[in-house]
Amino acid sequence: MSESRSLFKTPRLTAFHIIRCRPLFIVEPKPHNIAGWLRLAVKRTAQSFRLMVGVQDYGNYVAHMQVRHPEIAPMTEREFHRRCLEARFPSESGKMGKCPC
């Protein structure tokens, strides 16, 4: 009977430590006027529509690489767009890829 009860015991939690902490997103400063807020809203809406139709944002990719992977050199714009096209429309049969953005 004691063996079956040991199956349901929860393991004792050991101490853990945080190795690295990153913010989930970078907060941009809020515009103080309506024109600045409207400009930001239009920029984000246009970016959303471009992503919906498959046009990738190279500037956003470069900013991401500088913040998250500073030790790796980002691809050139030509390489970036070639890789995105190859991921979206694979030329090899049976190859499914993922865009790096």
PDB file of N, CA and C in Angstrom:
ATOM      1  N   MET A   1       0.812  -1.185   0.000  1.00  0.00           N
ATOM      2  CA  MET A   1       0.000   0.000   0.000  1.00  0.00           C
ATOM      3  C   MET A   1       0.866   1.265   0.000  1.00  0.00           C
ATOM      4  N   SER A   2       1.990   1.248   0.653  1.00  0.00           N
ATOM      5  CA  SER A   2       2.844   2.437   0.698  1.00  0.00           C
ATOM      6  C   SER A   2       3.465   2.717  -0.678  1.00  0.00           C
ATOM      7  N   GLU A   3       3.675   1.669  -1.503  1.00  0.00           N
ATOM      8  CA  GLU A   3       4.240   1.875  -2.831  1.00  0.00           C
ATOM      9  C   GLU A   3       3.268   2.643  -3.728  1.00  0.00           C
ATOM     10  N   SER A   4       1.985   2.319  -3.661  1.00  0.00           N
ATOM     11  CA  SER A   4       1.022   3.011  -4.514  1.00  0.00           C
ATOM     12  C   SER A   4       0.855   4.471  -4.084  1.00  0.00           C
ATOM     13  N   ARG A   5       0.985   4.746  -2.796  1.00  0.00           N
ATOM     14  CA  ARG A   5       0.853   6.123  -2.328  1.00  0.00           C
ATOM     15  C   ARG A   5       2.050   6.964  -2.784  1.00  0.00           C
ATOM     16  N   SER A   6       3.206   6.349  -2.946  1.00  0.00           N
ATOM     17  CA  SER A   6       4.379   7.118  -3.359  1.00  0.00           C
ATOM     18  C   SER A   6       4.267   7.584  -4.816  1.00  0.00           C
ATOM     19  N   LEU A   7       3.420   6.926  -5.598  1.00  0.00           N
ATOM     20  CA  LEU A   7       3.221   7.347  -6.981  1.00  0.00           C
ATOM     21  C   LEU A   7       2.527   8.704  -7.071  1.00  0.00           C
ATOM     22  N   PHE A   8       1.734   9.017  -6.074  1.00  0.00           N
ATOM     23  CA  PHE A   8       0.956  10.249  -6.131  1.00  0.00           C
ATOM     24  C   PHE A   8       1.601  11.406  -5.379  1.00  0.00           C
ATOM     25  N   LYS A   9       2.750  11.193  -4.815  1.00  0.00           N
ATOM     26  CA  LYS A   9       3.432  12.285  -4.120  1.00  0.00           C
ATOM     27  C   LYS A   9       4.025  13.237  -5.144  1.00  0.00           C
ATOM     28  N   THR A  10       3.893  14.499  -4.892  1.00  0.00           N
ATOM     29  CA  THR A  10       4.480  15.484  -5.797  1.00  0.00           C
ATOM     30  C   THR A  10       5.953  15.657  -5.445  1.00  0.00           C
ATOM     31  N   PRO A  11       6.792  15.818  -6.451  1.00  0.00           N
ATOM     32  CA  PRO A  11       8.206  15.994  -6.159  1.00  0.00           C
ATOM     33  C   PRO A  11       8.454  17.329  -5.469  1.00  0.00           C
ATOM     34  N   ARG A  12       9.448  17.340  -4.636  1.00  0.00           N
ATOM     35  CA  ARG A  12       9.798  18.546  -3.904  1.00  0.00           C
ATOM     36  C   ARG A  12      10.454  19.523  -4.874  1.00  0.00           C
ATOM     37  N   LEU A  13       9.986  20.749  -4.867  1.00  0.00           N
ATOM     38  CA  LEU A  13      10.550  21.754  -5.752  1.00  0.00           C
ATOM     39  C   LEU A  13      11.931  22.175  -5.259  1.00  0.00           C
ATOM     40  N   THR A  14      12.862  22.215  -6.174  1.00  0.00           N
ATOM     41  CA  THR A  14      14.208  22.672  -5.813  1.00  0.00           C
ATOM     42  C   THR A  14      14.312  24.156  -6.124  1.00  0.00           C
ATOM     43  N   ALA A  15      15.305  24.756  -5.578  1.00  0.00           N
ATOM     44  CA  ALA A  15      15.507  26.181  -5.820  1.00  0.00           C
ATOM     45  C   ALA A  15      15.897  26.387  -7.288  1.00  0.00           C
ATOM     46  N   PHE A  16      15.426  27.454  -7.876  1.00  0.00           N
ATOM     47  CA  PHE A  16      15.777  27.752  -9.255  1.00  0.00           C
ATOM     48  C   PHE A  16      16.287  29.186  -9.327  1.00  0.00           C
ATOM     49  N   HIS A  17      16.970  29.476 -10.387  1.00  0.00           N
ATOM     50  CA  HIS A  17      17.479  30.832 -10.568  1.00  0.00           C
ATOM     51  C   HIS A  17      17.189  31.296 -11.992  1.00  0.00           C
ATOM     52  N   ILE A  18      17.048  32.592 -12.147  1.00  0.00           N
ATOM     53  CA  ILE A  18      16.764  33.182 -13.443  1.00  0.00           C
ATOM     54  C   ILE A  18      18.082  33.432 -14.158  1.00  0.00           C
ATOM     55  N   ILE A  19      18.197  32.885 -15.371  1.00  0.00           N
ATOM     56  CA  ILE A  19      19.421  33.043 -16.139  1.00  0.00           C
ATOM     57  C   ILE A  19      19.408  34.378 -16.877  1.00  0.00           C
ATOM     58  N   ARG A  20      18.310  34.655 -17.601  1.00  0.00           N
ATOM     59  CA  ARG A  20      18.221  35.883 -18.377  1.00  0.00           C
ATOM     60  C   ARG A  20      16.762  36.293 -18.440  1.00  0.00           C
ATOM     61  N   CYS A  21      16.518  37.566 -18.341  1.00  0.00           N
ATOM     62  CA  CYS A  21      15.153  38.078 -18.395  1.00  0.00           C
ATOM     63  C   CYS A  21      15.072  39.098 -19.519  1.00  0.00           C
ATOM     64  N   ARG A  22      14.128  38.891 -20.441  1.00  0.00           N
ATOM     65  CA  ARG A  22      13.934  39.810 -21.561  1.00  0.00           C
ATOM     66  C   ARG A  22      12.517  40.359 -21.525  1.00  0.00           C
ATOM     67  N   PRO A  23      12.333  41.599 -21.947  1.00  0.00           N
ATOM     68  CA  PRO A  23      10.959  42.122 -22.022  1.00  0.00           C
ATOM     69  C   PRO A  23      10.207  41.437 -23.154  1.00  0.00           C
ATOM     70  N   LEU A  24       8.908  41.273 -22.980  1.00  0.00           N
ATOM     71  CA  LEU A  24       8.090  40.652 -24.014  1.00  0.00           C
ATOM     72  C   LEU A  24       7.939  41.561 -25.218  1.00  0.00           C
ATOM     73  N   PHE A  25       7.938  42.848 -24.995  1.00  0.00           N
ATOM     74  CA  PHE A  25       7.847  43.800 -26.094  1.00  0.00           C
ATOM     75  C   PHE A  25       8.506  45.096 -25.655  1.00  0.00           C
ATOM     76  N   ILE A  26       8.890  45.883 -26.623  1.00  0.00           N
ATOM     77  CA  ILE A  26       9.525  47.162 -26.338  1.00  0.00           C
ATOM     78  C   ILE A  26       8.454  48.243 -26.435  1.00  0.00           C
ATOM     79  N   VAL A  27       8.310  48.990 -25.355  1.00  0.00           N
ATOM     80  CA  VAL A  27       7.295  50.026 -25.308  1.00  0.00           C
ATOM     81  C   VAL A  27       7.837  51.276 -25.982  1.00  0.00           C
ATOM     82  N   GLU A  28       7.120  51.748 -26.996  1.00  0.00           N
ATOM     83  CA  GLU A  28       7.510  52.976 -27.659  1.00  0.00           C
ATOM     84  C   GLU A  28       6.936  54.153 -26.871  1.00  0.00           C
ATOM     85  N   PRO A  29       7.624  55.280 -26.893  1.00  0.00           N
ATOM     86  CA  PRO A  29       7.074  56.432 -26.181  1.00  0.00           C
ATOM     87  C   PRO A  29       5.752  56.872 -26.797  1.00  0.00           C
ATOM     88  N   LYS A  30       4.814  57.211 -25.949  1.00  0.00           N
ATOM     89  CA  LYS A  30       3.499  57.609 -26.426  1.00  0.00           C
ATOM     90  C   LYS A  30       3.572  59.018 -27.023  1.00  0.00           C
ATOM     91  N   PRO A  31       2.976  59.201 -28.185  1.00  0.00           N
ATOM     92  CA  PRO A  31       2.961  60.544 -28.764  1.00  0.00           C
ATOM     93  C   PRO A  31       2.092  61.475 -27.924  1.00  0.00           C
ATOM     94  N   HIS A  32       2.518  62.710 -27.816  1.00  0.00           N
ATOM     95  CA  HIS A  32       1.790  63.662 -26.980  1.00  0.00           C
ATOM     96  C   HIS A  32       0.682  64.374 -27.732  1.00  0.00           C
ATOM     97  N   ASN A  33       0.676  64.230 -29.036  1.00  0.00           N
ATOM     98  CA  ASN A  33      -0.369  64.913 -29.787  1.00  0.00           C
ATOM     99  C   ASN A  33      -1.149  63.907 -30.629  1.00  0.00           C
ATOM    100  N   ILE A  34      -2.273  64.338 -31.099  1.00  0.00           N
ATOM    101  CA  ILE A  34      -3.152  63.473 -31.885  1.00  0.00           C
ATOM    102  C   ILE A  34      -2.509  63.100 -33.220  1.00  0.00           C
ATOM    103  N   ALA A  35      -1.779  64.037 -33.838  1.00  0.00           N
ATOM    104  CA  ALA A  35      -1.140  63.755 -35.133  1.00  0.00           C
ATOM    105  C   ALA A  35      -0.117  62.631 -35.001  1.00  0.00           C
ATOM    106  N   GLY A  36       0.670  62.630 -33.937  1.00  0.00           N
ATOM    107  CA  GLY A  36       1.650  61.564 -33.707  1.00  0.00           C
ATOM    108  C   GLY A  36       0.978  60.221 -33.483  1.00  0.00           C
ATOM    109  N   TRP A  37      -0.106  60.220 -32.704  1.00  0.00           N
ATOM    110  CA  TRP A  37      -0.835  58.980 -32.452  1.00  0.00           C
ATOM    111  C   TRP A  37      -1.441  58.445 -33.739  1.00  0.00           C
ATOM    112  N   LEU A  38      -2.010  59.350 -34.542  1.00  0.00           N
ATOM    113  CA  LEU A  38      -2.622  58.940 -35.807  1.00  0.00           C
ATOM    114  C   LEU A  38      -1.566  58.389 -36.767  1.00  0.00           C
ATOM    115  N   ARG A  39      -0.398  59.025 -36.821  1.00  0.00           N
ATOM    116  CA  ARG A  39       0.699  58.552 -37.678  1.00  0.00           C
ATOM    117  C   ARG A  39       1.134  57.144 -37.267  1.00  0.00           C
ATOM    118  N   LEU A  40       1.236  56.898 -35.954  1.00  0.00           N
ATOM    119  CA  LEU A  40       1.614  55.576 -35.462  1.00  0.00           C
ATOM    120  C   LEU A  40       0.542  54.538 -35.797  1.00  0.00           C
ATOM    121  N   ALA A  41      -0.736  54.911 -35.658  1.00  0.00           N
ATOM    122  CA  ALA A  41      -1.825  53.988 -35.966  1.00  0.00           C
ATOM    123  C   ALA A  41      -1.829  53.628 -37.447  1.00  0.00           C
ATOM    124  N   VAL A  42      -1.605  54.604 -38.315  1.00  0.00           N
ATOM    125  CA  VAL A  42      -1.566  54.342 -39.757  1.00  0.00           C
ATOM    126  C   VAL A  42      -0.379  53.453 -40.100  1.00  0.00           C
ATOM    127  N   LYS A  43       0.775  53.713 -39.471  1.00  0.00           N
ATOM    128  CA  LYS A  43       1.977  52.902 -39.715  1.00  0.00           C
ATOM    129  C   LYS A  43       1.740  51.443 -39.334  1.00  0.00           C
ATOM    130  N   ARG A  44       1.160  51.215 -38.156  1.00  0.00           N
ATOM    131  CA  ARG A  44       0.905  49.844 -37.696  1.00  0.00           C
ATOM    132  C   ARG A  44      -0.159  49.151 -38.551  1.00  0.00           C
ATOM    133  N   THR A  45      -1.175  49.889 -38.982  1.00  0.00           N
ATOM    134  CA  THR A  45      -2.215  49.305 -39.829  1.00  0.00           C
ATOM    135  C   THR A  45      -1.638  48.901 -41.181  1.00  0.00           C
ATOM    136  N   ALA A  46      -0.813  49.770 -41.760  1.00  0.00           N
ATOM    137  CA  ALA A  46      -0.187  49.448 -43.048  1.00  0.00           C
ATOM    138  C   ALA A  46       0.716  48.228 -42.919  1.00  0.00           C
ATOM    139  N   GLN A  47       1.468  48.151 -41.815  1.00  0.00           N
ATOM    140  CA  GLN A  47       2.332  46.984 -41.599  1.00  0.00           C
ATOM    141  C   GLN A  47       1.496  45.713 -41.484  1.00  0.00           C
ATOM    142  N   SER A  48       0.358  45.784 -40.805  1.00  0.00           N
ATOM    143  CA  SER A  48      -0.508  44.613 -40.658  1.00  0.00           C
ATOM    144  C   SER A  48      -1.036  44.150 -42.008  1.00  0.00           C
ATOM    145  N   PHE A  49      -1.472  45.091 -42.842  1.00  0.00           N
ATOM    146  CA  PHE A  49      -1.977  44.723 -44.166  1.00  0.00           C
ATOM    147  C   PHE A  49      -0.874  44.129 -45.037  1.00  0.00           C
ATOM    148  N   ARG A  50       0.331  44.680 -44.958  1.00  0.00           N
ATOM    149  CA  ARG A  50       1.443  44.122 -45.742  1.00  0.00           C
ATOM    150  C   ARG A  50       1.734  42.685 -45.321  1.00  0.00           C
ATOM    151  N   LEU A  51       1.731  42.432 -44.025  1.00  0.00           N
ATOM    152  CA  LEU A  51       1.993  41.073 -43.548  1.00  0.00           C
ATOM    153  C   LEU A  51       0.874  40.114 -43.961  1.00  0.00           C
ATOM    154  N   MET A  52      -0.360  40.607 -44.025  1.00  0.00           N
ATOM    155  CA  MET A  52      -1.481  39.753 -44.429  1.00  0.00           C
ATOM    156  C   MET A  52      -1.357  39.277 -45.868  1.00  0.00           C
ATOM    157  N   VAL A  53      -0.817  40.116 -46.726  1.00  0.00           N
ATOM    158  CA  VAL A  53      -0.692  39.729 -48.126  1.00  0.00           C
ATOM    159  C   VAL A  53       0.664  39.110 -48.436  1.00  0.00           C
ATOM    160  N   GLY A  54       1.536  39.018 -47.440  1.00  0.00           N
ATOM    161  CA  GLY A  54       2.797  38.310 -47.625  1.00  0.00           C
ATOM    162  C   GLY A  54       4.011  39.168 -47.910  1.00  0.00           C
ATOM    163  N   VAL A  55       3.908  40.479 -47.775  1.00  0.00           N
ATOM    164  CA  VAL A  55       5.062  41.347 -47.970  1.00  0.00           C
ATOM    165  C   VAL A  55       5.761  41.487 -46.626  1.00  0.00           C
ATOM    166  N   GLN A  56       6.979  40.977 -46.537  1.00  0.00           N
ATOM    167  CA  GLN A  56       7.700  40.986 -45.272  1.00  0.00           C
ATOM    168  C   GLN A  56       8.376  42.330 -45.039  1.00  0.00           C
ATOM    169  N   ASP A  57       8.627  42.654 -43.777  1.00  0.00           N
ATOM    170  CA  ASP A  57       9.198  43.934 -43.391  1.00  0.00           C
ATOM    171  C   ASP A  57      10.669  43.753 -43.047  1.00  0.00           C
ATOM    172  N   TYR A  58      11.545  44.146 -43.961  1.00  0.00           N
ATOM    173  CA  TYR A  58      12.985  43.972 -43.750  1.00  0.00           C
ATOM    174  C   TYR A  58      13.485  44.839 -42.596  1.00  0.00           C
ATOM    175  N   GLY A  59      12.982  46.051 -42.477  1.00  0.00           N
ATOM    176  CA  GLY A  59      13.398  46.942 -41.389  1.00  0.00           C
ATOM    177  C   GLY A  59      13.070  46.358 -40.026  1.00  0.00           C
ATOM    178  N   ASN A  60      11.905  45.751 -39.898  1.00  0.00           N
ATOM    179  CA  ASN A  60      11.508  45.114 -38.650  1.00  0.00           C
ATOM    180  C   ASN A  60      12.419  43.917 -38.347  1.00  0.00           C
ATOM    181  N   TYR A  61      12.776  43.162 -39.383  1.00  0.00           N
ATOM    182  CA  TYR A  61      13.679  42.022 -39.224  1.00  0.00           C
ATOM    183  C   TYR A  61      15.052  42.482 -38.723  1.00  0.00           C
ATOM    184  N   VAL A  62      15.593  43.564 -39.315  1.00  0.00           N
ATOM    185  CA  VAL A  62      16.910  44.072 -38.910  1.00  0.00           C
ATOM    186  C   VAL A  62      16.858  44.564 -37.468  1.00  0.00           C
ATOM    187  N   ALA A  63      15.789  45.278 -37.094  1.00  0.00           N
ATOM    188  CA  ALA A  63      15.649  45.746 -35.715  1.00  0.00           C
ATOM    189  C   ALA A  63      15.579  44.568 -34.750  1.00  0.00           C
ATOM    190  N   HIS A  64      14.852  43.521 -35.122  1.00  0.00           N
ATOM    191  CA  HIS A  64      14.755  42.323 -34.289  1.00  0.00           C
ATOM    192  C   HIS A  64      16.128  41.668 -34.115  1.00  0.00           C
ATOM    193  N   MET A  65      16.874  41.565 -35.205  1.00  0.00           N
ATOM    194  CA  MET A  65      18.197  40.935 -35.136  1.00  0.00           C
ATOM    195  C   MET A  65      19.147  41.744 -34.262  1.00  0.00           C
ATOM    196  N   GLN A  66      19.074  43.071 -34.319  1.00  0.00           N
ATOM    197  CA  GLN A  66      19.948  43.906 -33.497  1.00  0.00           C
ATOM    198  C   GLN A  66      19.622  43.778 -32.019  1.00  0.00           C
ATOM    199  N   VAL A  67      18.339  43.657 -31.695  1.00  0.00           N
ATOM    200  CA  VAL A  67      17.936  43.570 -30.294  1.00  0.00           C
ATOM    201  C   VAL A  67      18.123  42.156 -29.742  1.00  0.00           C
ATOM    202  N   ARG A  68      17.646  41.150 -30.471  1.00  0.00           N
ATOM    203  CA  ARG A  68      17.622  39.777 -29.952  1.00  0.00           C
ATOM    204  C   ARG A  68      18.874  38.963 -30.271  1.00  0.00           C
ATOM    205  N   HIS A  69      19.510  39.209 -31.396  1.00  0.00           N
ATOM    206  CA  HIS A  69      20.666  38.413 -31.819  1.00  0.00           C
ATOM    207  C   HIS A  69      21.797  39.326 -32.288  1.00  0.00           C
ATOM    208  N   PRO A  70      22.367  40.137 -31.395  1.00  0.00           N
ATOM    209  CA  PRO A  70      23.391  41.098 -31.836  1.00  0.00           C
ATOM    210  C   PRO A  70      24.674  40.435 -32.334  1.00  0.00           C
ATOM    211  N   GLU A  71      24.928  39.198 -31.944  1.00  0.00           N
ATOM    212  CA  GLU A  71      26.162  38.524 -32.353  1.00  0.00           C
ATOM    213  C   GLU A  71      26.089  37.972 -33.779  1.00  0.00           C
ATOM    214  N   ILE A  72      24.884  37.903 -34.361  1.00  0.00           N
ATOM    215  CA  ILE A  72      24.705  37.368 -35.710  1.00  0.00           C
ATOM    216  C   ILE A  72      24.457  38.526 -36.671  1.00  0.00           C
ATOM    217  N   ALA A  73      25.159  38.518 -37.784  1.00  0.00           N
ATOM    218  CA  ALA A  73      24.950  39.556 -38.801  1.00  0.00           C
ATOM    219  C   ALA A  73      23.634  39.279 -39.538  1.00  0.00           C
ATOM    220  N   PRO A  74      22.770  40.284 -39.704  1.00  0.00           N
ATOM    221  CA  PRO A  74      21.508  40.053 -40.413  1.00  0.00           C
ATOM    222  C   PRO A  74      21.747  39.818 -41.901  1.00  0.00           C
ATOM    223  N   MET A  75      20.794  39.148 -42.538  1.00  0.00           N
ATOM    224  CA  MET A  75      20.876  38.899 -43.972  1.00  0.00           C
ATOM    225  C   MET A  75      20.756  40.227 -44.716  1.00  0.00           C
ATOM    226  N   THR A  76      21.253  40.246 -45.938  1.00  0.00           N
ATOM    227  CA  THR A  76      21.034  41.421 -46.777  1.00  0.00           C
ATOM    228  C   THR A  76      19.574  41.444 -47.183  1.00  0.00           C
ATOM    229  N   GLU A  77      19.132  42.580 -47.688  1.00  0.00           N
ATOM    230  CA  GLU A  77      17.720  42.692 -48.071  1.00  0.00           C
ATOM    231  C   GLU A  77      17.370  41.705 -49.179  1.00  0.00           C
ATOM    232  N   ARG A  78      18.283  41.514 -50.094  1.00  0.00           N
ATOM    233  CA  ARG A  78      18.050  40.572 -51.194  1.00  0.00           C
ATOM    234  C   ARG A  78      17.939  39.133 -50.664  1.00  0.00           C
ATOM    235  N   GLU A  79      18.853  38.740 -49.774  1.00  0.00           N
ATOM    236  CA  GLU A  79      18.803  37.394 -49.182  1.00  0.00           C
ATOM    237  C   GLU A  79      17.518  37.200 -48.376  1.00  0.00           C
ATOM    238  N   PHE A  80      17.129  38.244 -47.646  1.00  0.00           N
ATOM    239  CA  PHE A  80      15.924  38.172 -46.818  1.00  0.00           C
ATOM    240  C   PHE A  80      14.681  37.905 -47.667  1.00  0.00           C
ATOM    241  N   HIS A  81      14.510  38.690 -48.731  1.00  0.00           N
ATOM    242  CA  HIS A  81      13.336  38.511 -49.572  1.00  0.00           C
ATOM    243  C   HIS A  81      13.379  37.176 -50.324  1.00  0.00           C
ATOM    244  N   ARG A  82      14.558  36.736 -50.733  1.00  0.00           N
ATOM    245  CA  ARG A  82      14.690  35.436 -51.401  1.00  0.00           C
ATOM    246  C   ARG A  82      14.278  34.321 -50.444  1.00  0.00           C
ATOM    247  N   ARG A  83      14.726  34.407 -49.188  1.00  0.00           N
ATOM    248  CA  ARG A  83      14.387  33.373 -48.211  1.00  0.00           C
ATOM    249  C   ARG A  83      12.891  33.370 -47.901  1.00  0.00           C
ATOM    250  N   CYS A  84      12.289  34.557 -47.818  1.00  0.00           N
ATOM    251  CA  CYS A  84      10.847  34.629 -47.569  1.00  0.00           C
ATOM    252  C   CYS A  84      10.054  34.040 -48.739  1.00  0.00           C
ATOM    253  N   LEU A  85      10.475  34.333 -49.957  1.00  0.00           N
ATOM    254  CA  LEU A  85       9.799  33.753 -51.116  1.00  0.00           C
ATOM    255  C   LEU A  85       9.971  32.239 -51.153  1.00  0.00           C
ATOM    256  N   GLU A  86      11.159  31.783 -50.844  1.00  0.00           N
ATOM    257  CA  GLU A  86      11.421  30.345 -50.841  1.00  0.00           C
ATOM    258  C   GLU A  86      10.600  29.647 -49.752  1.00  0.00           C
ATOM    259  N   ALA A  87      10.409  30.315 -48.617  1.00  0.00           N
ATOM    260  CA  ALA A  87       9.610  29.730 -47.539  1.00  0.00           C
ATOM    261  C   ALA A  87       8.131  29.699 -47.907  1.00  0.00           C
ATOM    262  N   ARG A  88       7.681  30.720 -48.617  1.00  0.00           N
ATOM    263  CA  ARG A  88       6.263  30.784 -48.973  1.00  0.00           C
ATOM    264  C   ARG A  88       5.927  29.902 -50.162  1.00  0.00           C
ATOM    265  N   PHE A  89       6.816  29.882 -51.162  1.00  0.00           N
ATOM    266  CA  PHE A  89       6.602  29.084 -52.364  1.00  0.00           C
ATOM    267  C   PHE A  89       7.799  28.155 -52.566  1.00  0.00           C
ATOM    268  N   PRO A  90       7.846  27.019 -51.864  1.00  0.00           N
ATOM    269  CA  PRO A  90       9.008  26.126 -51.964  1.00  0.00           C
ATOM    270  C   PRO A  90       9.211  25.608 -53.391  1.00  0.00           C
ATOM    271  N   SER A  91      10.450  25.627 -53.847  1.00  0.00           N
ATOM    272  CA  SER A  91      10.730  25.155 -55.203  1.00  0.00           C
ATOM    273  C   SER A  91      10.951  23.650 -55.230  1.00  0.00           C
ATOM    274  N   GLU A  92      11.449  23.090 -54.138  1.00  0.00           N
ATOM    275  CA  GLU A  92      11.651  21.641 -54.077  1.00  0.00           C
ATOM    276  C   GLU A  92      10.335  20.984 -53.669  1.00  0.00           C
ATOM    277  N   SER A  93      10.024  19.856 -54.291  1.00  0.00           N
ATOM    278  CA  SER A  93       8.763  19.186 -53.964  1.00  0.00           C
ATOM    279  C   SER A  93       8.818  18.611 -52.554  1.00  0.00           C
ATOM    280  N   GLY A  94       7.753  18.812 -51.812  1.00  0.00           N
ATOM    281  CA  GLY A  94       7.658  18.285 -50.467  1.00  0.00           C
ATOM    282  C   GLY A  94       8.372  19.124 -49.425  1.00  0.00           C
ATOM    283  N   LYS A  95       9.002  20.203 -49.814  1.00  0.00           N
ATOM    284  CA  LYS A  95       9.723  21.026 -48.850  1.00  0.00           C
ATOM    285  C   LYS A  95       8.786  22.087 -48.285  1.00  0.00           C
ATOM    286  N   MET A  96       8.631  22.101 -47.002  1.00  0.00           N
ATOM    287  CA  MET A  96       7.846  23.128 -46.350  1.00  0.00           C
ATOM    288  C   MET A  96       8.787  23.909 -45.443  1.00  0.00           C
ATOM    289  N   GLY A  97       8.767  25.207 -45.560  1.00  0.00           N
ATOM    290  CA  GLY A  97       9.676  26.032 -44.763  1.00  0.00           C
ATOM    291  C   GLY A  97       8.925  27.056 -43.948  1.00  0.00           C
ATOM    292  N   LYS A  98       9.692  27.823 -43.218  1.00  0.00           N
ATOM    293  CA  LYS A  98       9.127  28.873 -42.403  1.00  0.00           C
ATOM    294  C   LYS A  98       9.916  30.140 -42.651  1.00  0.00           C
ATOM    295  N   CYS A  99       9.234  31.236 -42.813  1.00  0.00           N
ATOM    296  CA  CYS A  99       9.889  32.510 -43.063  1.00  0.00           C
ATOM    297  C   CYS A  99      10.650  32.936 -41.803  1.00  0.00           C
ATOM    298  N   PRO A 100      11.825  33.537 -41.918  1.00  0.00           N
ATOM    299  CA  PRO A 100      12.613  33.899 -40.742  1.00  0.00           C
ATOM    300  C   PRO A 100      12.052  35.096 -39.996  1.00  0.00           C
ATOM    301  N   CYS A 101      10.995  35.698 -40.477  1.00  0.00           N
ATOM    302  CA  CYS A 101      10.486  36.915 -39.833  1.00  0.00           C
ATOM    303  C   CYS A 101       9.335  36.616 -38.914  1.00  0.00           C
TER     304      CYS A 101
END
